[in-house]
Amino acid sequence: MSFICYLELNALQQELRDVGFTILGIPCNQFGMQEPGKNNEILSALKYVRPGNGFVPNFQLFEKVDVNGVNEHTLFTFLKKISLSTLKYSFGNPTNRLFWEPLKINDIKWNFEKFLVGPDGRPVMRWFPRVNVSEVRADILKYFHQLVQKAD
């Protein structure tokens, strides 16, 4: 899934950049240890391994951070406080898959969970990691349409 998501995120960034939309990619290694590389290795891994074929993200890719637990980055503390969880139930059995404590219901569940933040800096939407980028795109376009209607 992840290599497809990177390609779709590039396409979404390309499509919506002229209207002021920006994707921010923030790697994390708390989910199945799927991002083990050092910060300076992540871009090379994307280019040559996953998704490979010379892939270069056309969106800002930040340094790796923790998004959950006692060492979570303050951005994610903020996003999770004022936006709803994508799931209304527990994680199930997280043995050997989730690498933080304590587990909380509003935690980010897995890689590629997505947030939409409005121009005012407030979170607007949150999507489960497996939600297809085409659905995210449709929601973003609907949100943009609502903003335009309010401005008129």
N, C-alpha and C. Protein backbone atom coordinates (compact mmCIF):
# COMPACT_ATOMS: atom_id res chain seq x y z
N MET A 1 0.81 -1.19 0.00
CA MET A 1 0.00 0.00 0.00
C MET A 1 0.86 1.26 0.00
N SER A 2 1.93 1.29 0.76
CA SER A 2 2.67 2.54 0.94
C SER A 2 3.23 3.09 -0.36
N PHE A 3 3.76 2.22 -1.22
CA PHE A 3 4.34 2.76 -2.45
C PHE A 3 3.27 3.36 -3.34
N ILE A 4 2.08 2.78 -3.34
CA ILE A 4 0.97 3.34 -4.13
C ILE A 4 0.56 4.68 -3.54
N CYS A 5 0.48 4.76 -2.22
CA CYS A 5 0.08 6.00 -1.56
C CYS A 5 1.04 7.13 -1.90
N TYR A 6 2.34 6.86 -1.92
CA TYR A 6 3.30 7.90 -2.29
C TYR A 6 3.02 8.43 -3.70
N LEU A 7 2.76 7.55 -4.63
CA LEU A 7 2.47 7.97 -6.00
C LEU A 7 1.20 8.80 -6.05
N GLU A 8 0.18 8.36 -5.33
CA GLU A 8 -1.09 9.09 -5.32
C GLU A 8 -0.95 10.44 -4.63
N LEU A 9 -0.16 10.50 -3.58
CA LEU A 9 0.06 11.79 -2.92
C LEU A 9 0.79 12.76 -3.84
N ASN A 10 1.76 12.27 -4.61
CA ASN A 10 2.43 13.12 -5.59
C ASN A 10 1.42 13.68 -6.60
N ALA A 11 0.54 12.82 -7.07
CA ALA A 11 -0.47 13.24 -8.05
C ALA A 11 -1.41 14.29 -7.44
N LEU A 12 -1.82 14.07 -6.20
CA LEU A 12 -2.71 15.02 -5.53
C LEU A 12 -2.02 16.36 -5.33
N GLN A 13 -0.77 16.34 -4.91
CA GLN A 13 0.00 17.58 -4.73
C GLN A 13 0.11 18.32 -6.06
N GLN A 14 0.40 17.61 -7.12
CA GLN A 14 0.52 18.22 -8.45
C GLN A 14 -0.80 18.87 -8.87
N GLU A 15 -1.89 18.16 -8.65
CA GLU A 15 -3.21 18.65 -9.06
C GLU A 15 -3.65 19.90 -8.30
N LEU A 16 -3.39 19.95 -6.99
CA LEU A 16 -3.97 21.00 -6.16
C LEU A 16 -3.00 22.07 -5.70
N ARG A 17 -1.76 22.01 -6.12
CA ARG A 17 -0.79 22.98 -5.61
C ARG A 17 -1.11 24.41 -6.04
N ASP A 18 -1.71 24.59 -7.22
CA ASP A 18 -1.99 25.94 -7.70
C ASP A 18 -3.11 26.63 -6.93
N VAL A 19 -3.86 25.87 -6.12
CA VAL A 19 -4.91 26.49 -5.30
C VAL A 19 -4.44 26.63 -3.85
N GLY A 20 -3.14 26.47 -3.62
CA GLY A 20 -2.58 26.68 -2.30
C GLY A 20 -2.57 25.46 -1.40
N PHE A 21 -2.87 24.31 -1.95
CA PHE A 21 -2.86 23.07 -1.17
C PHE A 21 -1.44 22.53 -1.09
N THR A 22 -1.04 22.09 0.10
CA THR A 22 0.30 21.56 0.29
C THR A 22 0.24 20.29 1.13
N ILE A 23 0.90 19.25 0.66
CA ILE A 23 1.02 18.02 1.43
C ILE A 23 2.31 18.10 2.24
N LEU A 24 2.22 17.72 3.50
CA LEU A 24 3.38 17.62 4.37
C LEU A 24 3.52 16.15 4.77
N GLY A 25 4.63 15.54 4.42
CA GLY A 25 4.88 14.14 4.77
C GLY A 25 5.78 14.06 5.99
N ILE A 26 5.33 13.30 6.98
CA ILE A 26 6.11 13.20 8.22
C ILE A 26 6.31 11.72 8.55
N PRO A 27 7.50 11.18 8.27
CA PRO A 27 7.77 9.77 8.53
C PRO A 27 7.74 9.43 10.01
N CYS A 28 7.42 8.18 10.31
CA CYS A 28 7.37 7.68 11.67
C CYS A 28 7.72 6.19 11.65
N ASN A 29 8.40 5.73 12.67
CA ASN A 29 8.81 4.32 12.74
C ASN A 29 8.05 3.55 13.82
N GLN A 30 6.91 4.07 14.27
CA GLN A 30 6.18 3.44 15.36
C GLN A 30 5.21 2.34 14.91
N PHE A 31 5.09 2.12 13.64
CA PHE A 31 4.11 1.18 13.11
C PHE A 31 4.83 0.03 12.42
N GLY A 32 5.02 -1.05 13.13
CA GLY A 32 5.69 -2.21 12.57
C GLY A 32 7.13 -1.96 12.20
N MET A 33 7.71 -0.88 12.74
CA MET A 33 9.10 -0.51 12.44
C MET A 33 9.34 -0.42 10.93
N GLN A 34 8.37 0.16 10.21
CA GLN A 34 8.42 0.21 8.75
C GLN A 34 9.25 1.37 8.20
N GLU A 35 9.76 2.23 9.06
CA GLU A 35 10.60 3.34 8.60
C GLU A 35 11.89 3.35 9.41
N PRO A 36 12.71 2.30 9.28
CA PRO A 36 13.88 2.15 10.14
C PRO A 36 15.06 3.04 9.77
N GLY A 37 15.08 3.58 8.59
CA GLY A 37 16.24 4.35 8.14
C GLY A 37 16.43 5.64 8.89
N LYS A 38 17.63 6.16 8.78
CA LYS A 38 17.92 7.48 9.34
C LYS A 38 17.30 8.52 8.42
N ASN A 39 17.13 9.73 8.94
CA ASN A 39 16.49 10.79 8.15
C ASN A 39 17.16 10.98 6.79
N ASN A 40 18.48 10.92 6.74
CA ASN A 40 19.17 11.14 5.47
C ASN A 40 19.08 9.94 4.52
N GLU A 41 18.51 8.84 4.96
CA GLU A 41 18.35 7.65 4.12
C GLU A 41 16.95 7.53 3.53
N ILE A 42 15.99 8.25 4.06
CA ILE A 42 14.59 8.08 3.66
C ILE A 42 14.38 8.42 2.19
N LEU A 43 14.90 9.55 1.73
CA LEU A 43 14.71 9.93 0.33
C LEU A 43 15.33 8.91 -0.63
N SER A 44 16.51 8.41 -0.29
CA SER A 44 17.15 7.39 -1.14
C SER A 44 16.31 6.12 -1.18
N ALA A 45 15.77 5.73 -0.02
CA ALA A 45 14.92 4.53 0.01
C ALA A 45 13.69 4.71 -0.86
N LEU A 46 13.11 5.90 -0.84
CA LEU A 46 11.95 6.16 -1.71
C LEU A 46 12.35 6.12 -3.18
N LYS A 47 13.49 6.69 -3.49
CA LYS A 47 13.93 6.78 -4.88
C LYS A 47 14.29 5.42 -5.48
N TYR A 48 14.94 4.58 -4.67
CA TYR A 48 15.48 3.34 -5.23
C TYR A 48 14.79 2.06 -4.78
N VAL A 49 14.02 2.12 -3.70
CA VAL A 49 13.45 0.88 -3.17
C VAL A 49 11.93 0.91 -3.18
N ARG A 50 11.35 1.79 -2.40
CA ARG A 50 9.91 1.80 -2.23
C ARG A 50 9.40 3.21 -2.27
N PRO A 51 8.81 3.68 -3.30
CA PRO A 51 8.31 2.96 -4.46
C PRO A 51 9.35 2.68 -5.54
N GLY A 52 10.52 3.32 -5.48
CA GLY A 52 11.58 3.03 -6.45
C GLY A 52 11.36 3.70 -7.79
N ASN A 53 12.06 3.21 -8.81
CA ASN A 53 11.96 3.75 -10.18
C ASN A 53 12.23 5.24 -10.24
N GLY A 54 13.14 5.74 -9.39
CA GLY A 54 13.51 7.15 -9.42
C GLY A 54 12.52 8.07 -8.74
N PHE A 55 11.59 7.53 -7.96
CA PHE A 55 10.56 8.35 -7.31
C PHE A 55 11.18 9.43 -6.42
N VAL A 56 10.65 10.64 -6.55
CA VAL A 56 11.01 11.75 -5.68
C VAL A 56 9.70 12.42 -5.28
N PRO A 57 9.45 12.57 -3.98
CA PRO A 57 8.20 13.23 -3.58
C PRO A 57 8.22 14.69 -4.01
N ASN A 58 7.07 15.18 -4.48
CA ASN A 58 6.96 16.59 -4.87
C ASN A 58 6.34 17.41 -3.75
N PHE A 59 6.30 16.82 -2.56
CA PHE A 59 5.80 17.50 -1.37
C PHE A 59 6.89 17.49 -0.31
N GLN A 60 6.74 18.37 0.66
CA GLN A 60 7.73 18.49 1.73
C GLN A 60 7.76 17.22 2.58
N LEU A 61 8.93 16.63 2.73
CA LEU A 61 9.12 15.46 3.58
C LEU A 61 9.99 15.89 4.76
N PHE A 62 9.45 15.78 5.95
CA PHE A 62 10.14 16.23 7.15
C PHE A 62 10.96 15.10 7.76
N GLU A 63 11.66 15.41 8.84
CA GLU A 63 12.40 14.38 9.57
C GLU A 63 11.43 13.49 10.31
N LYS A 64 11.88 12.29 10.58
CA LYS A 64 11.08 11.28 11.27
C LYS A 64 10.80 11.74 12.70
N VAL A 65 9.55 11.53 13.15
CA VAL A 65 9.14 11.86 14.52
C VAL A 65 8.26 10.75 15.08
N ASP A 66 8.04 10.79 16.38
CA ASP A 66 7.02 9.95 17.01
C ASP A 66 5.70 10.69 16.92
N VAL A 67 4.65 9.99 16.55
CA VAL A 67 3.33 10.61 16.42
C VAL A 67 2.40 10.20 17.56
N ASN A 68 2.82 9.24 18.37
CA ASN A 68 2.04 8.74 19.51
C ASN A 68 2.96 8.54 20.70
N GLY A 69 2.36 8.43 21.88
CA GLY A 69 3.11 8.07 23.07
C GLY A 69 3.76 9.24 23.77
N VAL A 70 4.59 8.91 24.75
CA VAL A 70 5.18 9.95 25.61
C VAL A 70 6.11 10.88 24.85
N ASN A 71 6.68 10.46 23.74
CA ASN A 71 7.60 11.31 22.98
C ASN A 71 6.98 11.86 21.70
N GLU A 72 5.65 11.86 21.62
CA GLU A 72 5.02 12.33 20.38
C GLU A 72 5.31 13.80 20.14
N HIS A 73 5.44 14.14 18.87
CA HIS A 73 5.68 15.52 18.45
C HIS A 73 4.45 16.36 18.80
N THR A 74 4.68 17.60 19.20
CA THR A 74 3.57 18.46 19.63
C THR A 74 2.55 18.72 18.53
N LEU A 75 2.96 18.69 17.26
CA LEU A 75 2.00 18.84 16.17
C LEU A 75 0.93 17.76 16.26
N PHE A 76 1.34 16.54 16.52
CA PHE A 76 0.39 15.43 16.56
C PHE A 76 -0.44 15.45 17.84
N THR A 77 0.13 15.95 18.93
CA THR A 77 -0.66 16.15 20.14
C THR A 77 -1.80 17.11 19.83
N PHE A 78 -1.48 18.20 19.14
CA PHE A 78 -2.48 19.19 18.74
C PHE A 78 -3.52 18.60 17.79
N LEU A 79 -3.07 17.94 16.73
CA LEU A 79 -4.00 17.40 15.75
C LEU A 79 -4.96 16.38 16.38
N LYS A 80 -4.45 15.55 17.25
CA LYS A 80 -5.26 14.50 17.84
C LYS A 80 -6.22 15.03 18.90
N LYS A 81 -5.88 16.14 19.55
CA LYS A 81 -6.76 16.70 20.58
C LYS A 81 -8.04 17.27 19.98
N ILE A 82 -7.92 17.87 18.84
CA ILE A 82 -9.09 18.56 18.30
C ILE A 82 -9.69 17.90 17.07
N SER A 83 -9.24 16.71 16.77
CA SER A 83 -9.88 15.98 15.69
C SER A 83 -10.23 14.58 16.17
N LEU A 84 -11.28 14.05 15.64
CA LEU A 84 -11.77 12.76 16.08
C LEU A 84 -10.87 11.64 15.62
N SER A 85 -10.87 10.58 16.38
CA SER A 85 -10.16 9.37 15.99
C SER A 85 -10.81 8.82 14.72
N THR A 86 -10.01 8.11 13.93
CA THR A 86 -10.56 7.47 12.74
C THR A 86 -11.27 6.17 13.09
N LEU A 87 -11.03 5.68 14.28
CA LEU A 87 -11.66 4.43 14.74
C LEU A 87 -12.30 4.67 16.09
N LYS A 88 -13.40 4.03 16.33
CA LYS A 88 -14.09 4.17 17.61
C LYS A 88 -13.88 2.94 18.48
N TYR A 89 -12.91 2.13 18.15
CA TYR A 89 -12.65 0.93 18.94
C TYR A 89 -11.16 0.81 19.19
N SER A 90 -10.79 -0.14 20.01
CA SER A 90 -9.38 -0.26 20.42
C SER A 90 -8.51 -0.81 19.30
N PHE A 91 -7.24 -0.90 19.59
CA PHE A 91 -6.25 -1.37 18.64
C PHE A 91 -6.26 -2.88 18.45
N GLY A 92 -6.93 -3.61 19.32
CA GLY A 92 -6.83 -5.07 19.27
C GLY A 92 -5.53 -5.51 19.92
N ASN A 93 -4.90 -6.54 19.41
CA ASN A 93 -3.66 -7.05 19.98
C ASN A 93 -2.48 -6.41 19.25
N PRO A 94 -1.83 -5.42 19.86
CA PRO A 94 -0.76 -4.69 19.18
C PRO A 94 0.62 -5.32 19.31
N THR A 95 0.72 -6.52 19.84
CA THR A 95 2.01 -7.14 20.09
C THR A 95 2.89 -7.10 18.84
N ASN A 96 4.09 -6.59 19.00
CA ASN A 96 5.12 -6.55 17.95
C ASN A 96 4.74 -5.71 16.74
N ARG A 97 3.75 -4.83 16.85
CA ARG A 97 3.36 -4.00 15.72
C ARG A 97 3.39 -2.51 16.04
N LEU A 98 3.04 -2.17 17.28
CA LEU A 98 2.95 -0.78 17.68
C LEU A 98 4.02 -0.50 18.72
N PHE A 99 4.77 0.57 18.51
CA PHE A 99 5.94 0.82 19.33
C PHE A 99 5.84 2.14 20.08
N TRP A 100 4.84 2.24 20.96
CA TRP A 100 4.72 3.36 21.87
C TRP A 100 3.79 2.97 23.01
N GLU A 101 3.88 3.75 24.05
CA GLU A 101 2.98 3.60 25.19
C GLU A 101 2.73 4.97 25.76
N PRO A 102 1.59 5.20 26.38
CA PRO A 102 0.43 4.32 26.46
C PRO A 102 -0.39 4.42 25.18
N LEU A 103 -1.16 3.39 24.85
CA LEU A 103 -2.07 3.42 23.72
C LEU A 103 -3.31 4.21 24.11
N LYS A 104 -3.74 5.11 23.23
CA LYS A 104 -4.94 5.92 23.48
C LYS A 104 -5.86 5.80 22.27
N ILE A 105 -7.15 5.92 22.51
CA ILE A 105 -8.15 5.73 21.45
C ILE A 105 -7.98 6.74 20.32
N ASN A 106 -7.48 7.95 20.61
CA ASN A 106 -7.33 8.94 19.53
C ASN A 106 -5.97 8.88 18.86
N ASP A 107 -5.14 7.89 19.22
CA ASP A 107 -3.82 7.76 18.59
C ASP A 107 -3.94 7.53 17.09
N ILE A 108 -2.88 7.89 16.39
CA ILE A 108 -2.77 7.55 14.98
C ILE A 108 -2.60 6.04 14.91
N LYS A 109 -3.36 5.40 14.03
CA LYS A 109 -3.44 3.94 14.03
C LYS A 109 -2.35 3.26 13.20
N TRP A 110 -1.90 3.89 12.13
CA TRP A 110 -0.90 3.26 11.27
C TRP A 110 -0.36 4.31 10.31
N ASN A 111 0.68 3.95 9.56
CA ASN A 111 1.26 4.84 8.54
C ASN A 111 0.19 5.32 7.57
N PHE A 112 0.37 6.51 7.09
CA PHE A 112 -0.48 7.15 6.08
C PHE A 112 -1.86 7.53 6.58
N GLU A 113 -2.02 7.70 7.89
CA GLU A 113 -3.22 8.37 8.37
C GLU A 113 -3.08 9.82 7.92
N LYS A 114 -4.17 10.43 7.53
CA LYS A 114 -4.10 11.75 6.92
C LYS A 114 -4.98 12.74 7.67
N PHE A 115 -4.53 14.00 7.71
CA PHE A 115 -5.28 15.10 8.31
C PHE A 115 -5.40 16.20 7.26
N LEU A 116 -6.54 16.87 7.25
CA LEU A 116 -6.70 18.08 6.45
C LEU A 116 -6.76 19.24 7.44
N VAL A 117 -5.87 20.21 7.25
CA VAL A 117 -5.83 21.39 8.10
C VAL A 117 -6.24 22.58 7.23
N GLY A 118 -7.19 23.34 7.72
CA GLY A 118 -7.70 24.48 6.97
C GLY A 118 -6.74 25.65 6.95
N PRO A 119 -7.05 26.67 6.16
CA PRO A 119 -6.19 27.84 6.06
C PRO A 119 -6.03 28.58 7.40
N ASP A 120 -6.96 28.36 8.32
CA ASP A 120 -6.88 28.99 9.64
C ASP A 120 -6.03 28.19 10.62
N GLY A 121 -5.47 27.05 10.16
CA GLY A 121 -4.62 26.23 11.01
C GLY A 121 -5.36 25.19 11.83
N ARG A 122 -6.67 25.10 11.66
CA ARG A 122 -7.45 24.12 12.42
C ARG A 122 -7.66 22.84 11.62
N PRO A 123 -7.53 21.70 12.28
CA PRO A 123 -7.84 20.43 11.59
C PRO A 123 -9.31 20.39 11.18
N VAL A 124 -9.53 19.91 9.96
CA VAL A 124 -10.87 19.86 9.39
C VAL A 124 -11.35 18.41 9.28
N MET A 125 -10.47 17.55 8.82
CA MET A 125 -10.83 16.15 8.60
C MET A 125 -9.66 15.25 8.95
N ARG A 126 -9.99 13.98 9.17
CA ARG A 126 -8.98 12.97 9.46
C ARG A 126 -9.43 11.68 8.81
N TRP A 127 -8.48 10.99 8.14
CA TRP A 127 -8.81 9.77 7.42
C TRP A 127 -8.00 8.59 7.94
N PHE A 128 -8.65 7.46 8.03
CA PHE A 128 -8.03 6.20 8.38
C PHE A 128 -6.94 5.90 7.36
N PRO A 129 -5.84 5.24 7.77
CA PRO A 129 -4.73 5.01 6.85
C PRO A 129 -5.09 4.29 5.55
N ARG A 130 -6.06 3.41 5.59
CA ARG A 130 -6.40 2.64 4.38
C ARG A 130 -7.37 3.35 3.45
N VAL A 131 -7.83 4.53 3.83
CA VAL A 131 -8.72 5.28 2.95
C VAL A 131 -7.94 5.67 1.71
N ASN A 132 -8.50 5.35 0.56
CA ASN A 132 -7.85 5.63 -0.71
C ASN A 132 -7.69 7.13 -0.93
N VAL A 133 -6.59 7.53 -1.51
CA VAL A 133 -6.32 8.95 -1.76
C VAL A 133 -7.40 9.56 -2.65
N SER A 134 -8.04 8.78 -3.51
CA SER A 134 -9.12 9.33 -4.34
C SER A 134 -10.30 9.79 -3.47
N GLU A 135 -10.58 9.08 -2.38
CA GLU A 135 -11.63 9.51 -1.46
C GLU A 135 -11.19 10.77 -0.70
N VAL A 136 -9.94 10.81 -0.30
CA VAL A 136 -9.39 11.99 0.37
C VAL A 136 -9.49 13.19 -0.59
N ARG A 137 -9.13 12.98 -1.83
CA ARG A 137 -9.20 14.03 -2.85
C ARG A 137 -10.62 14.59 -2.96
N ALA A 138 -11.60 13.71 -3.03
CA ALA A 138 -13.00 14.13 -3.13
C ALA A 138 -13.41 14.96 -1.92
N ASP A 139 -13.01 14.54 -0.74
CA ASP A 139 -13.33 15.30 0.48
C ASP A 139 -12.65 16.67 0.47
N ILE A 140 -11.42 16.73 0.01
CA ILE A 140 -10.70 18.01 -0.05
C ILE A 140 -11.38 18.95 -1.04
N LEU A 141 -11.75 18.44 -2.20
CA LEU A 141 -12.43 19.28 -3.19
C LEU A 141 -13.76 19.78 -2.66
N LYS A 142 -14.48 18.94 -1.94
CA LYS A 142 -15.75 19.35 -1.33
C LYS A 142 -15.50 20.45 -0.30
N TYR A 143 -14.46 20.31 0.50
CA TYR A 143 -14.11 21.33 1.48
C TYR A 143 -13.74 22.64 0.79
N PHE A 144 -12.92 22.59 -0.26
CA PHE A 144 -12.57 23.80 -1.01
C PHE A 144 -13.82 24.48 -1.56
N HIS A 145 -14.75 23.70 -2.08
CA HIS A 145 -16.00 24.24 -2.62
C HIS A 145 -16.78 24.98 -1.52
N GLN A 146 -16.82 24.40 -0.32
CA GLN A 146 -17.51 25.04 0.81
C GLN A 146 -16.83 26.36 1.19
N LEU A 147 -15.49 26.38 1.15
CA LEU A 147 -14.77 27.61 1.46
C LEU A 147 -15.11 28.71 0.46
N VAL A 148 -15.18 28.36 -0.81
CA VAL A 148 -15.49 29.33 -1.85
C VAL A 148 -16.91 29.85 -1.66
N GLN A 149 -17.84 28.96 -1.34
CA GLN A 149 -19.23 29.39 -1.12
C GLN A 149 -19.34 30.35 0.06
N LYS A 150 -18.60 30.10 1.14
CA LYS A 150 -18.63 30.97 2.31
C LYS A 150 -18.05 32.34 1.98
N ALA A 151 -17.04 32.36 1.10
CA ALA A 151 -16.38 33.62 0.74
C ALA A 151 -17.26 34.49 -0.14
N ASP A 152 -18.19 33.88 -0.87
CA ASP A 152 -19.04 34.64 -1.80
C ASP A 152 -20.14 35.39 -1.11
